[in-house]
Amino acid sequence: MNMPKNSTAVVLIALTAGLSTPAIALDGAQLFVAKTCVACHGKDAKTPILPIYPKLAGQNPDYAYNQMLDIKSGARANGQTAAMKGVMHLVSDEELRAIADWLGTLQSCNN
């Protein structure tokens, strides 16, 4: 059986087309639960279990992402970072970005 010459190229393109992008976009809301953020910051990211823990809803995504990266790397080791340091190794940088972006979509407690 002879295949048309361009069918091989079409098959190769189809097989490699999805390699550069993730198959499923990360869901920040689901990650916020799965990575245990809700345990301390509340299911709505507005009601932390202790008043000294930050309310994260409405936070600037870049600021939140950079703070989480700094806590994960140890660059930030003040305040309540010790509580987060124990779980940060469970969260990839890509997941941190998805969580930070999701937090930015929430209505802030100050609005």
PDB file of N, CA and C in Angstrom:
ATOM      1  N   MET A   1       0.846  -1.172   0.000  1.00  0.00           N
ATOM      2  CA  MET A   1       0.000   0.000   0.000  1.00  0.00           C
ATOM      3  C   MET A   1       0.891   1.235   0.000  1.00  0.00           C
ATOM      4  N   ASN A   2       0.648   2.124  -0.930  1.00  0.00           N
ATOM      5  CA  ASN A   2       1.433   3.350  -1.042  1.00  0.00           C
ATOM      6  C   ASN A   2       0.680   4.506  -0.414  1.00  0.00           C
ATOM      7  N   MET A   3       1.396   5.251   0.462  1.00  0.00           N
ATOM      8  CA  MET A   3       0.809   6.446   1.072  1.00  0.00           C
ATOM      9  C   MET A   3       1.223   7.653   0.238  1.00  0.00           C
ATOM     10  N   PRO A   4       0.346   8.623   0.107  1.00  0.00           N
ATOM     11  CA  PRO A   4       0.738   9.844  -0.593  1.00  0.00           C
ATOM     12  C   PRO A   4       1.950  10.464   0.108  1.00  0.00           C
ATOM     13  N   LYS A   5       2.798  11.145  -0.665  1.00  0.00           N
ATOM     14  CA  LYS A   5       4.041  11.700  -0.129  1.00  0.00           C
ATOM     15  C   LYS A   5       3.806  12.671   1.031  1.00  0.00           C
ATOM     16  N   ASN A   6       2.808  13.479   0.962  1.00  0.00           N
ATOM     17  CA  ASN A   6       2.601  14.462   2.021  1.00  0.00           C
ATOM     18  C   ASN A   6       1.906  13.886   3.242  1.00  0.00           C
ATOM     19  N   SER A   7       1.423  12.672   3.201  1.00  0.00           N
ATOM     20  CA  SER A   7       0.752  12.122   4.380  1.00  0.00           C
ATOM     21  C   SER A   7       1.738  11.884   5.525  1.00  0.00           C
ATOM     22  N   THR A   8       2.970  11.538   5.237  1.00  0.00           N
ATOM     23  CA  THR A   8       3.980  11.363   6.281  1.00  0.00           C
ATOM     24  C   THR A   8       4.226  12.680   6.994  1.00  0.00           C
ATOM     25  N   ALA A   9       4.324  13.746   6.251  1.00  0.00           N
ATOM     26  CA  ALA A   9       4.531  15.066   6.845  1.00  0.00           C
ATOM     27  C   ALA A   9       3.344  15.458   7.713  1.00  0.00           C
ATOM     28  N   VAL A  10       2.157  15.175   7.240  1.00  0.00           N
ATOM     29  CA  VAL A  10       0.954  15.492   8.010  1.00  0.00           C
ATOM     30  C   VAL A  10       0.935  14.724   9.330  1.00  0.00           C
ATOM     31  N   VAL A  11       1.296  13.446   9.286  1.00  0.00           N
ATOM     32  CA  VAL A  11       1.336  12.631  10.495  1.00  0.00           C
ATOM     33  C   VAL A  11       2.371  13.177  11.471  1.00  0.00           C
ATOM     34  N   LEU A  12       3.551  13.521  10.995  1.00  0.00           N
ATOM     35  CA  LEU A  12       4.604  14.061  11.858  1.00  0.00           C
ATOM     36  C   LEU A  12       4.182  15.385  12.495  1.00  0.00           C
ATOM     37  N   ILE A  13       3.567  16.239  11.727  1.00  0.00           N
ATOM     38  CA  ILE A  13       3.086  17.517  12.264  1.00  0.00           C
ATOM     39  C   ILE A  13       2.020  17.268  13.326  1.00  0.00           C
ATOM     40  N   ALA A  14       1.111  16.372  13.067  1.00  0.00           N
ATOM     41  CA  ALA A  14       0.051  16.068  14.021  1.00  0.00           C
ATOM     42  C   ALA A  14       0.613  15.498  15.319  1.00  0.00           C
ATOM     43  N   LEU A  15       1.625  14.659  15.219  1.00  0.00           N
ATOM     44  CA  LEU A  15       2.206  14.048  16.410  1.00  0.00           C
ATOM     45  C   LEU A  15       3.015  15.023  17.246  1.00  0.00           C
ATOM     46  N   THR A  16       3.625  16.008  16.613  1.00  0.00           N
ATOM     47  CA  THR A  16       4.481  16.938  17.347  1.00  0.00           C
ATOM     48  C   THR A  16       3.789  18.245  17.695  1.00  0.00           C
ATOM     49  N   ALA A  17       2.629  18.486  17.197  1.00  0.00           N
ATOM     50  CA  ALA A  17       1.945  19.766  17.400  1.00  0.00           C
ATOM     51  C   ALA A  17       1.702  20.064  18.871  1.00  0.00           C
ATOM     52  N   GLY A  18       1.374  19.078  19.654  1.00  0.00           N
ATOM     53  CA  GLY A  18       1.058  19.314  21.049  1.00  0.00           C
ATOM     54  C   GLY A  18       2.234  19.232  21.992  1.00  0.00           C
ATOM     55  N   LEU A  19       3.427  18.988  21.496  1.00  0.00           N
ATOM     56  CA  LEU A  19       4.570  18.806  22.384  1.00  0.00           C
ATOM     57  C   LEU A  19       5.027  20.080  23.068  1.00  0.00           C
ATOM     58  N   SER A  20       4.808  21.238  22.480  1.00  0.00           N
ATOM     59  CA  SER A  20       5.325  22.468  23.054  1.00  0.00           C
ATOM     60  C   SER A  20       4.356  23.130  24.026  1.00  0.00           C
ATOM     61  N   THR A  21       3.137  22.650  24.114  1.00  0.00           N
ATOM     62  CA  THR A  21       2.169  23.255  25.026  1.00  0.00           C
ATOM     63  C   THR A  21       1.558  22.178  25.901  1.00  0.00           C
ATOM     64  N   PRO A  22       1.218  22.543  27.150  1.00  0.00           N
ATOM     65  CA  PRO A  22       0.597  21.542  28.021  1.00  0.00           C
ATOM     66  C   PRO A  22      -0.764  21.120  27.479  1.00  0.00           C
ATOM     67  N   ALA A  23      -1.116  19.877  27.703  1.00  0.00           N
ATOM     68  CA  ALA A  23      -2.382  19.361  27.205  1.00  0.00           C
ATOM     69  C   ALA A  23      -3.552  19.990  27.950  1.00  0.00           C
ATOM     70  N   ILE A  24      -3.376  20.238  29.219  1.00  0.00           N
ATOM     71  CA  ILE A  24      -4.439  20.804  30.046  1.00  0.00           C
ATOM     72  C   ILE A  24      -3.891  22.022  30.774  1.00  0.00           C
ATOM     73  N   ALA A  25      -4.580  23.134  30.661  1.00  0.00           N
ATOM     74  CA  ALA A  25      -4.158  24.335  31.376  1.00  0.00           C
ATOM     75  C   ALA A  25      -4.329  24.110  32.877  1.00  0.00           C
ATOM     76  N   LEU A  26      -3.382  24.614  33.647  1.00  0.00           N
ATOM     77  CA  LEU A  26      -3.456  24.468  35.095  1.00  0.00           C
ATOM     78  C   LEU A  26      -4.574  25.344  35.644  1.00  0.00           C
ATOM     79  N   ASP A  27      -5.315  24.825  36.589  1.00  0.00           N
ATOM     80  CA  ASP A  27      -6.435  25.522  37.208  1.00  0.00           C
ATOM     81  C   ASP A  27      -6.006  25.995  38.592  1.00  0.00           C
ATOM     82  N   GLY A  28      -5.815  27.305  38.733  1.00  0.00           N
ATOM     83  CA  GLY A  28      -5.366  27.875  39.998  1.00  0.00           C
ATOM     84  C   GLY A  28      -6.290  27.582  41.150  1.00  0.00           C
ATOM     85  N   ALA A  29      -7.600  27.598  40.913  1.00  0.00           N
ATOM     86  CA  ALA A  29      -8.564  27.324  41.984  1.00  0.00           C
ATOM     87  C   ALA A  29      -8.429  25.889  42.486  1.00  0.00           C
ATOM     88  N   GLN A  30      -8.277  24.950  41.555  1.00  0.00           N
ATOM     89  CA  GLN A  30      -8.103  23.551  41.957  1.00  0.00           C
ATOM     90  C   GLN A  30      -6.768  23.345  42.669  1.00  0.00           C
ATOM     91  N   LEU A  31      -5.730  24.000  42.190  1.00  0.00           N
ATOM     92  CA  LEU A  31      -4.424  23.882  42.827  1.00  0.00           C
ATOM     93  C   LEU A  31      -4.425  24.485  44.230  1.00  0.00           C
ATOM     94  N   PHE A  32      -5.155  25.568  44.429  1.00  0.00           N
ATOM     95  CA  PHE A  32      -5.259  26.217  45.738  1.00  0.00           C
ATOM     96  C   PHE A  32      -5.782  25.226  46.772  1.00  0.00           C
ATOM     97  N   VAL A  33      -6.678  24.358  46.349  1.00  0.00           N
ATOM     98  CA  VAL A  33      -7.212  23.316  47.230  1.00  0.00           C
ATOM     99  C   VAL A  33      -6.239  22.138  47.306  1.00  0.00           C
ATOM    100  N   ALA A  34      -5.813  21.642  46.166  1.00  0.00           N
ATOM    101  CA  ALA A  34      -4.979  20.436  46.116  1.00  0.00           C
ATOM    102  C   ALA A  34      -3.630  20.617  46.809  1.00  0.00           C
ATOM    103  N   LYS A  35      -3.086  21.802  46.755  1.00  0.00           N
ATOM    104  CA  LYS A  35      -1.773  22.063  47.360  1.00  0.00           C
ATOM    105  C   LYS A  35      -1.901  22.573  48.790  1.00  0.00           C
ATOM    106  N   THR A  36      -3.078  22.482  49.367  1.00  0.00           N
ATOM    107  CA  THR A  36      -3.406  22.776  50.772  1.00  0.00           C
ATOM    108  C   THR A  36      -3.358  24.253  51.149  1.00  0.00           C
ATOM    109  N   CYS A  37      -3.387  25.152  50.188  1.00  0.00           N
ATOM    110  CA  CYS A  37      -3.409  26.584  50.495  1.00  0.00           C
ATOM    111  C   CYS A  37      -4.640  26.946  51.338  1.00  0.00           C
ATOM    112  N   VAL A  38      -5.753  26.264  51.047  1.00  0.00           N
ATOM    113  CA  VAL A  38      -7.004  26.542  51.757  1.00  0.00           C
ATOM    114  C   VAL A  38      -6.905  26.289  53.256  1.00  0.00           C
ATOM    115  N   ALA A  39      -6.018  25.399  53.651  1.00  0.00           N
ATOM    116  CA  ALA A  39      -5.901  25.042  55.064  1.00  0.00           C
ATOM    117  C   ALA A  39      -5.567  26.256  55.933  1.00  0.00           C
ATOM    118  N   CYS A  40      -4.770  27.155  55.411  1.00  0.00           N
ATOM    119  CA  CYS A  40      -4.383  28.339  56.187  1.00  0.00           C
ATOM    120  C   CYS A  40      -5.033  29.626  55.689  1.00  0.00           C
ATOM    121  N   HIS A  41      -5.253  29.731  54.373  1.00  0.00           N
ATOM    122  CA  HIS A  41      -5.730  30.988  53.805  1.00  0.00           C
ATOM    123  C   HIS A  41      -7.238  31.010  53.561  1.00  0.00           C
ATOM    124  N   GLY A  42      -7.933  29.908  53.842  1.00  0.00           N
ATOM    125  CA  GLY A  42      -9.385  29.853  53.674  1.00  0.00           C
ATOM    126  C   GLY A  42      -9.785  29.510  52.262  1.00  0.00           C
ATOM    127  N   LYS A  43     -10.952  28.879  52.123  1.00  0.00           N
ATOM    128  CA  LYS A  43     -11.399  28.423  50.800  1.00  0.00           C
ATOM    129  C   LYS A  43     -11.646  29.572  49.830  1.00  0.00           C
ATOM    130  N   ASP A  44     -11.909  30.755  50.360  1.00  0.00           N
ATOM    131  CA  ASP A  44     -12.142  31.913  49.497  1.00  0.00           C
ATOM    132  C   ASP A  44     -10.917  32.815  49.393  1.00  0.00           C
ATOM    133  N   ALA A  45      -9.816  32.420  50.025  1.00  0.00           N
ATOM    134  CA  ALA A  45      -8.563  33.186  50.064  1.00  0.00           C
ATOM    135  C   ALA A  45      -8.739  34.521  50.785  1.00  0.00           C
ATOM    136  N   LYS A  46      -9.841  34.638  51.551  1.00  0.00           N
ATOM    137  CA  LYS A  46     -10.136  35.867  52.298  1.00  0.00           C
ATOM    138  C   LYS A  46     -10.261  35.633  53.795  1.00  0.00           C
ATOM    139  N   THR A  47     -10.317  34.366  54.192  1.00  0.00           N
ATOM    140  CA  THR A  47     -10.577  34.056  55.600  1.00  0.00           C
ATOM    141  C   THR A  47      -9.494  33.125  56.152  1.00  0.00           C
ATOM    142  N   PRO A  48      -8.294  33.673  56.410  1.00  0.00           N
ATOM    143  CA  PRO A  48      -7.226  32.831  56.944  1.00  0.00           C
ATOM    144  C   PRO A  48      -7.564  32.340  58.353  1.00  0.00           C
ATOM    145  N   ILE A  49      -6.940  31.226  58.731  1.00  0.00           N
ATOM    146  CA  ILE A  49      -7.249  30.637  60.041  1.00  0.00           C
ATOM    147  C   ILE A  49      -6.690  31.456  61.197  1.00  0.00           C
ATOM    148  N   LEU A  50      -5.675  32.254  60.936  1.00  0.00           N
ATOM    149  CA  LEU A  50      -5.112  33.155  61.944  1.00  0.00           C
ATOM    150  C   LEU A  50      -5.088  34.571  61.380  1.00  0.00           C
ATOM    151  N   PRO A  51      -5.350  35.556  62.214  1.00  0.00           N
ATOM    152  CA  PRO A  51      -5.373  36.934  61.700  1.00  0.00           C
ATOM    153  C   PRO A  51      -4.012  37.423  61.187  1.00  0.00           C
ATOM    154  N   ILE A  52      -2.945  36.765  61.564  1.00  0.00           N
ATOM    155  CA  ILE A  52      -1.622  37.173  61.083  1.00  0.00           C
ATOM    156  C   ILE A  52      -1.297  36.610  59.698  1.00  0.00           C
ATOM    157  N   TYR A  53      -2.084  35.662  59.205  1.00  0.00           N
ATOM    158  CA  TYR A  53      -1.880  35.123  57.858  1.00  0.00           C
ATOM    159  C   TYR A  53      -2.542  36.064  56.855  1.00  0.00           C
ATOM    160  N   PRO A  54      -1.940  36.245  55.689  1.00  0.00           N
ATOM    161  CA  PRO A  54      -2.492  37.212  54.735  1.00  0.00           C
ATOM    162  C   PRO A  54      -3.772  36.741  54.047  1.00  0.00           C
ATOM    163  N   LYS A  55      -4.591  37.710  53.729  1.00  0.00           N
ATOM    164  CA  LYS A  55      -5.749  37.499  52.863  1.00  0.00           C
ATOM    165  C   LYS A  55      -5.225  37.667  51.441  1.00  0.00           C
ATOM    166  N   LEU A  56      -5.381  36.649  50.637  1.00  0.00           N
ATOM    167  CA  LEU A  56      -4.739  36.616  49.323  1.00  0.00           C
ATOM    168  C   LEU A  56      -5.643  37.023  48.164  1.00  0.00           C
ATOM    169  N   ALA A  57      -6.935  37.021  48.373  1.00  0.00           N
ATOM    170  CA  ALA A  57      -7.872  37.342  47.289  1.00  0.00           C
ATOM    171  C   ALA A  57      -7.601  38.741  46.739  1.00  0.00           C
ATOM    172  N   GLY A  58      -7.512  38.835  45.429  1.00  0.00           N
ATOM    173  CA  GLY A  58      -7.317  40.120  44.770  1.00  0.00           C
ATOM    174  C   GLY A  58      -5.875  40.594  44.741  1.00  0.00           C
ATOM    175  N   GLN A  59      -4.964  39.786  45.238  1.00  0.00           N
ATOM    176  CA  GLN A  59      -3.554  40.176  45.256  1.00  0.00           C
ATOM    177  C   GLN A  59      -3.019  40.294  43.827  1.00  0.00           C
ATOM    178  N   ASN A  60      -2.124  41.221  43.608  1.00  0.00           N
ATOM    179  CA  ASN A  60      -1.477  41.364  42.324  1.00  0.00           C
ATOM    180  C   ASN A  60      -0.785  40.049  41.986  1.00  0.00           C
ATOM    181  N   PRO A  61      -1.083  39.454  40.829  1.00  0.00           N
ATOM    182  CA  PRO A  61      -0.526  38.133  40.499  1.00  0.00           C
ATOM    183  C   PRO A  61       1.003  38.073  40.489  1.00  0.00           C
ATOM    184  N   ASP A  62       1.652  39.097  39.934  1.00  0.00           N
ATOM    185  CA  ASP A  62       3.113  39.078  39.896  1.00  0.00           C
ATOM    186  C   ASP A  62       3.702  39.175  41.299  1.00  0.00           C
ATOM    187  N   TYR A  63       3.111  40.024  42.130  1.00  0.00           N
ATOM    188  CA  TYR A  63       3.578  40.149  43.512  1.00  0.00           C
ATOM    189  C   TYR A  63       3.419  38.821  44.253  1.00  0.00           C
ATOM    190  N   ALA A  64       2.240  38.215  44.150  1.00  0.00           N
ATOM    191  CA  ALA A  64       1.983  36.945  44.845  1.00  0.00           C
ATOM    192  C   ALA A  64       2.944  35.861  44.351  1.00  0.00           C
ATOM    193  N   TYR A  65       3.125  35.791  43.055  1.00  0.00           N
ATOM    194  CA  TYR A  65       4.022  34.783  42.475  1.00  0.00           C
ATOM    195  C   TYR A  65       5.448  34.971  42.991  1.00  0.00           C
ATOM    196  N   ASN A  66       5.937  36.188  42.954  1.00  0.00           N
ATOM    197  CA  ASN A  66       7.301  36.452  43.404  1.00  0.00           C
ATOM    198  C   ASN A  66       7.476  36.192  44.896  1.00  0.00           C
ATOM    199  N   GLN A  67       6.467  36.494  45.697  1.00  0.00           N
ATOM    200  CA  GLN A  67       6.551  36.192  47.126  1.00  0.00           C
ATOM    201  C   GLN A  67       6.619  34.687  47.360  1.00  0.00           C
ATOM    202  N   MET A  68       5.804  33.944  46.629  1.00  0.00           N
ATOM    203  CA  MET A  68       5.827  32.485  46.777  1.00  0.00           C
ATOM    204  C   MET A  68       7.162  31.900  46.316  1.00  0.00           C
ATOM    205  N   LEU A  69       7.698  32.419  45.215  1.00  0.00           N
ATOM    206  CA  LEU A  69       9.015  31.961  44.751  1.00  0.00           C
ATOM    207  C   LEU A  69      10.090  32.241  45.798  1.00  0.00           C
ATOM    208  N   ASP A  70      10.038  33.445  46.389  1.00  0.00           N
ATOM    209  CA  ASP A  70      11.028  33.817  47.405  1.00  0.00           C
ATOM    210  C   ASP A  70      10.923  32.940  48.643  1.00  0.00           C
ATOM    211  N   ILE A  71       9.729  32.599  49.039  1.00  0.00           N
ATOM    212  CA  ILE A  71       9.548  31.705  50.186  1.00  0.00           C
ATOM    213  C   ILE A  71      10.078  30.317  49.840  1.00  0.00           C
ATOM    214  N   LYS A  72       9.750  29.860  48.653  1.00  0.00           N
ATOM    215  CA  LYS A  72      10.191  28.524  48.223  1.00  0.00           C
ATOM    216  C   LYS A  72      11.719  28.431  48.169  1.00  0.00           C
ATOM    217  N   SER A  73      12.369  29.460  47.659  1.00  0.00           N
ATOM    218  CA  SER A  73      13.829  29.433  47.506  1.00  0.00           C
ATOM    219  C   SER A  73      14.568  29.741  48.803  1.00  0.00           C
ATOM    220  N   GLY A  74      13.852  30.320  49.771  1.00  0.00           N
ATOM    221  CA  GLY A  74      14.501  30.716  51.019  1.00  0.00           C
ATOM    222  C   GLY A  74      14.963  32.163  51.016  1.00  0.00           C
ATOM    223  N   ALA A  75      14.786  32.869  49.884  1.00  0.00           N
ATOM    224  CA  ALA A  75      15.163  34.279  49.803  1.00  0.00           C
ATOM    225  C   ALA A  75      14.335  35.116  50.782  1.00  0.00           C
ATOM    226  N   ARG A  76      13.124  34.702  51.023  1.00  0.00           N
ATOM    227  CA  ARG A  76      12.281  35.350  52.022  1.00  0.00           C
ATOM    228  C   ARG A  76      12.101  34.357  53.155  1.00  0.00           C
ATOM    229  N   ALA A  77      12.545  34.751  54.338  1.00  0.00           N
ATOM    230  CA  ALA A  77      12.479  33.852  55.492  1.00  0.00           C
ATOM    231  C   ALA A  77      12.050  34.611  56.743  1.00  0.00           C
ATOM    232  N   ASN A  78      11.142  35.564  56.556  1.00  0.00           N
ATOM    233  CA  ASN A  78      10.660  36.348  57.693  1.00  0.00           C
ATOM    234  C   ASN A  78       9.176  36.094  57.929  1.00  0.00           C
ATOM    235  N   GLY A  79       8.636  36.691  58.945  1.00  0.00           N
ATOM    236  CA  GLY A  79       7.205  36.586  59.213  1.00  0.00           C
ATOM    237  C   GLY A  79       6.752  35.152  59.353  1.00  0.00           C
ATOM    238  N   GLN A  80       5.711  34.808  58.641  1.00  0.00           N
ATOM    239  CA  GLN A  80       5.110  33.486  58.731  1.00  0.00           C
ATOM    240  C   GLN A  80       5.600  32.532  57.651  1.00  0.00           C
ATOM    241  N   THR A  81       6.732  32.830  57.040  1.00  0.00           N
ATOM    242  CA  THR A  81       7.210  31.995  55.940  1.00  0.00           C
ATOM    243  C   THR A  81       7.534  30.573  56.365  1.00  0.00           C
ATOM    244  N   ALA A  82       7.882  30.373  57.635  1.00  0.00           N
ATOM    245  CA  ALA A  82       8.195  29.014  58.100  1.00  0.00           C
ATOM    246  C   ALA A  82       7.000  28.085  57.922  1.00  0.00           C
ATOM    247  N   ALA A  83       5.805  28.610  58.107  1.00  0.00           N
ATOM    248  CA  ALA A  83       4.598  27.796  57.940  1.00  0.00           C
ATOM    249  C   ALA A  83       4.437  27.345  56.493  1.00  0.00           C
ATOM    250  N   MET A  84       4.812  28.188  55.545  1.00  0.00           N
ATOM    251  CA  MET A  84       4.664  27.841  54.130  1.00  0.00           C
ATOM    252  C   MET A  84       5.827  27.015  53.605  1.00  0.00           C
ATOM    253  N   LYS A  85       6.994  27.214  54.154  1.00  0.00           N
ATOM    254  CA  LYS A  85       8.199  26.543  53.652  1.00  0.00           C
ATOM    255  C   LYS A  85       8.017  25.024  53.614  1.00  0.00           C
ATOM    256  N   GLY A  86       7.288  24.488  54.566  1.00  0.00           N
ATOM    257  CA  GLY A  86       7.091  23.048  54.628  1.00  0.00           C
ATOM    258  C   GLY A  86       6.279  22.459  53.491  1.00  0.00           C
ATOM    259  N   VAL A  87       5.492  23.269  52.813  1.00  0.00           N
ATOM    260  CA  VAL A  87       4.674  22.755  51.706  1.00  0.00           C
ATOM    261  C   VAL A  87       5.111  23.259  50.342  1.00  0.00           C
ATOM    262  N   MET A  88       5.968  24.250  50.313  1.00  0.00           N
ATOM    263  CA  MET A  88       6.342  24.853  49.034  1.00  0.00           C
ATOM    264  C   MET A  88       7.072  23.888  48.100  1.00  0.00           C
ATOM    265  N   HIS A  89       7.751  22.905  48.641  1.00  0.00           N
ATOM    266  CA  HIS A  89       8.439  21.935  47.779  1.00  0.00           C
ATOM    267  C   HIS A  89       7.453  21.057  47.004  1.00  0.00           C
ATOM    268  N   LEU A  90       6.195  21.076  47.408  1.00  0.00           N
ATOM    269  CA  LEU A  90       5.160  20.288  46.735  1.00  0.00           C
ATOM    270  C   LEU A  90       4.564  21.012  45.523  1.00  0.00           C
ATOM    271  N   VAL A  91       4.923  22.278  45.350  1.00  0.00           N
ATOM    272  CA  VAL A  91       4.300  23.112  44.321  1.00  0.00           C
ATOM    273  C   VAL A  91       5.358  23.541  43.305  1.00  0.00           C
ATOM    274  N   SER A  92       5.118  23.230  42.047  1.00  0.00           N
ATOM    275  CA  SER A  92       6.056  23.638  40.989  1.00  0.00           C
ATOM    276  C   SER A  92       5.910  25.134  40.722  1.00  0.00           C
ATOM    277  N   ASP A  93       6.902  25.709  40.076  1.00  0.00           N
ATOM    278  CA  ASP A  93       6.833  27.125  39.730  1.00  0.00           C
ATOM    279  C   ASP A  93       5.652  27.405  38.800  1.00  0.00           C
ATOM    280  N   GLU A  94       5.366  26.484  37.892  1.00  0.00           N
ATOM    281  CA  GLU A  94       4.223  26.643  36.985  1.00  0.00           C
ATOM    282  C   GLU A  94       2.905  26.638  37.780  1.00  0.00           C
ATOM    283  N   GLU A  95       2.816  25.783  38.776  1.00  0.00           N
ATOM    284  CA  GLU A  95       1.620  25.749  39.625  1.00  0.00           C
ATOM    285  C   GLU A  95       1.509  27.023  40.455  1.00  0.00           C
ATOM    286  N   LEU A  96       2.643  27.534  40.946  1.00  0.00           N
ATOM    287  CA  LEU A  96       2.623  28.796  41.687  1.00  0.00           C
ATOM    288  C   LEU A  96       2.066  29.912  40.821  1.00  0.00           C
ATOM    289  N   ARG A  97       2.495  29.938  39.555  1.00  0.00           N
ATOM    290  CA  ARG A  97       2.008  30.971  38.631  1.00  0.00           C
ATOM    291  C   ARG A  97       0.502  30.843  38.440  1.00  0.00           C
ATOM    292  N   ALA A  98      -0.004  29.637  38.289  1.00  0.00           N
ATOM    293  CA  ALA A  98      -1.443  29.431  38.091  1.00  0.00           C
ATOM    294  C   ALA A  98      -2.217  29.878  39.333  1.00  0.00           C
ATOM    295  N   ILE A  99      -1.708  29.559  40.504  1.00  0.00           N
ATOM    296  CA  ILE A  99      -2.372  29.976  41.747  1.00  0.00           C
ATOM    297  C   ILE A  99      -2.361  31.497  41.858  1.00  0.00           C
ATOM    298  N   ALA A 100      -1.215  32.117  41.608  1.00  0.00           N
ATOM    299  CA  ALA A 100      -1.102  33.575  41.697  1.00  0.00           C
ATOM    300  C   ALA A 100      -2.048  34.259  40.715  1.00  0.00           C
ATOM    301  N   ASP A 101      -2.106  33.748  39.493  1.00  0.00           N
ATOM    302  CA  ASP A 101      -3.010  34.330  38.495  1.00  0.00           C
ATOM    303  C   ASP A 101      -4.456  34.202  38.940  1.00  0.00           C
ATOM    304  N   TRP A 102      -4.817  33.051  39.498  1.00  0.00           N
ATOM    305  CA  TRP A 102      -6.189  32.860  39.985  1.00  0.00           C
ATOM    306  C   TRP A 102      -6.503  33.808  41.136  1.00  0.00           C
ATOM    307  N   LEU A 103      -5.573  33.949  42.078  1.00  0.00           N
ATOM    308  CA  LEU A 103      -5.794  34.863  43.203  1.00  0.00           C
ATOM    309  C   LEU A 103      -6.083  36.280  42.707  1.00  0.00           C
ATOM    310  N   GLY A 104      -5.411  36.670  41.652  1.00  0.00           N
ATOM    311  CA  GLY A 104      -5.614  38.008  41.087  1.00  0.00           C
ATOM    312  C   GLY A 104      -6.990  38.222  40.496  1.00  0.00           C
ATOM    313  N   THR A 105      -7.684  37.149  40.167  1.00  0.00           N
ATOM    314  CA  THR A 105      -9.039  37.293  39.592  1.00  0.00           C
ATOM    315  C   THR A 105     -10.122  37.444  40.658  1.00  0.00           C
ATOM    316  N   LEU A 106      -9.776  37.151  41.901  1.00  0.00           N
ATOM    317  CA  LEU A 106     -10.752  37.198  42.981  1.00  0.00           C
ATOM    318  C   LEU A 106     -10.974  38.622  43.455  1.00  0.00           C
ATOM    319  N   GLN A 107     -12.177  38.867  43.948  1.00  0.00           N
ATOM    320  CA  GLN A 107     -12.447  40.184  44.510  1.00  0.00           C
ATOM    321  C   GLN A 107     -11.725  40.314  45.839  1.00  0.00           C
ATOM    322  N   SER A 108     -11.055  41.417  46.004  1.00  0.00           N
ATOM    323  CA  SER A 108     -10.299  41.684  47.225  1.00  0.00           C
ATOM    324  C   SER A 108     -11.241  41.928  48.397  1.00  0.00           C
ATOM    325  N   CYS A 109     -10.764  41.695  49.585  1.00  0.00           N
ATOM    326  CA  CYS A 109     -11.538  41.972  50.810  1.00  0.00           C
ATOM    327  C   CYS A 109     -11.759  43.465  50.978  1.00  0.00           C
ATOM    328  N   ASN A 110     -10.907  44.272  50.344  1.00  0.00           N
ATOM    329  CA  ASN A 110     -10.969  45.724  50.498  1.00  0.00           C
ATOM    330  C   ASN A 110     -11.958  46.367  49.547  1.00  0.00           C
ATOM    331  N   ASN A 111     -12.547  45.597  48.642  1.00  0.00           N
ATOM    332  CA  ASN A 111     -13.499  46.162  47.667  1.00  0.00           C
ATOM    333  C   ASN A 111     -14.904  46.060  48.144  1.00  0.00           C
TER     334      ASN A 111
END
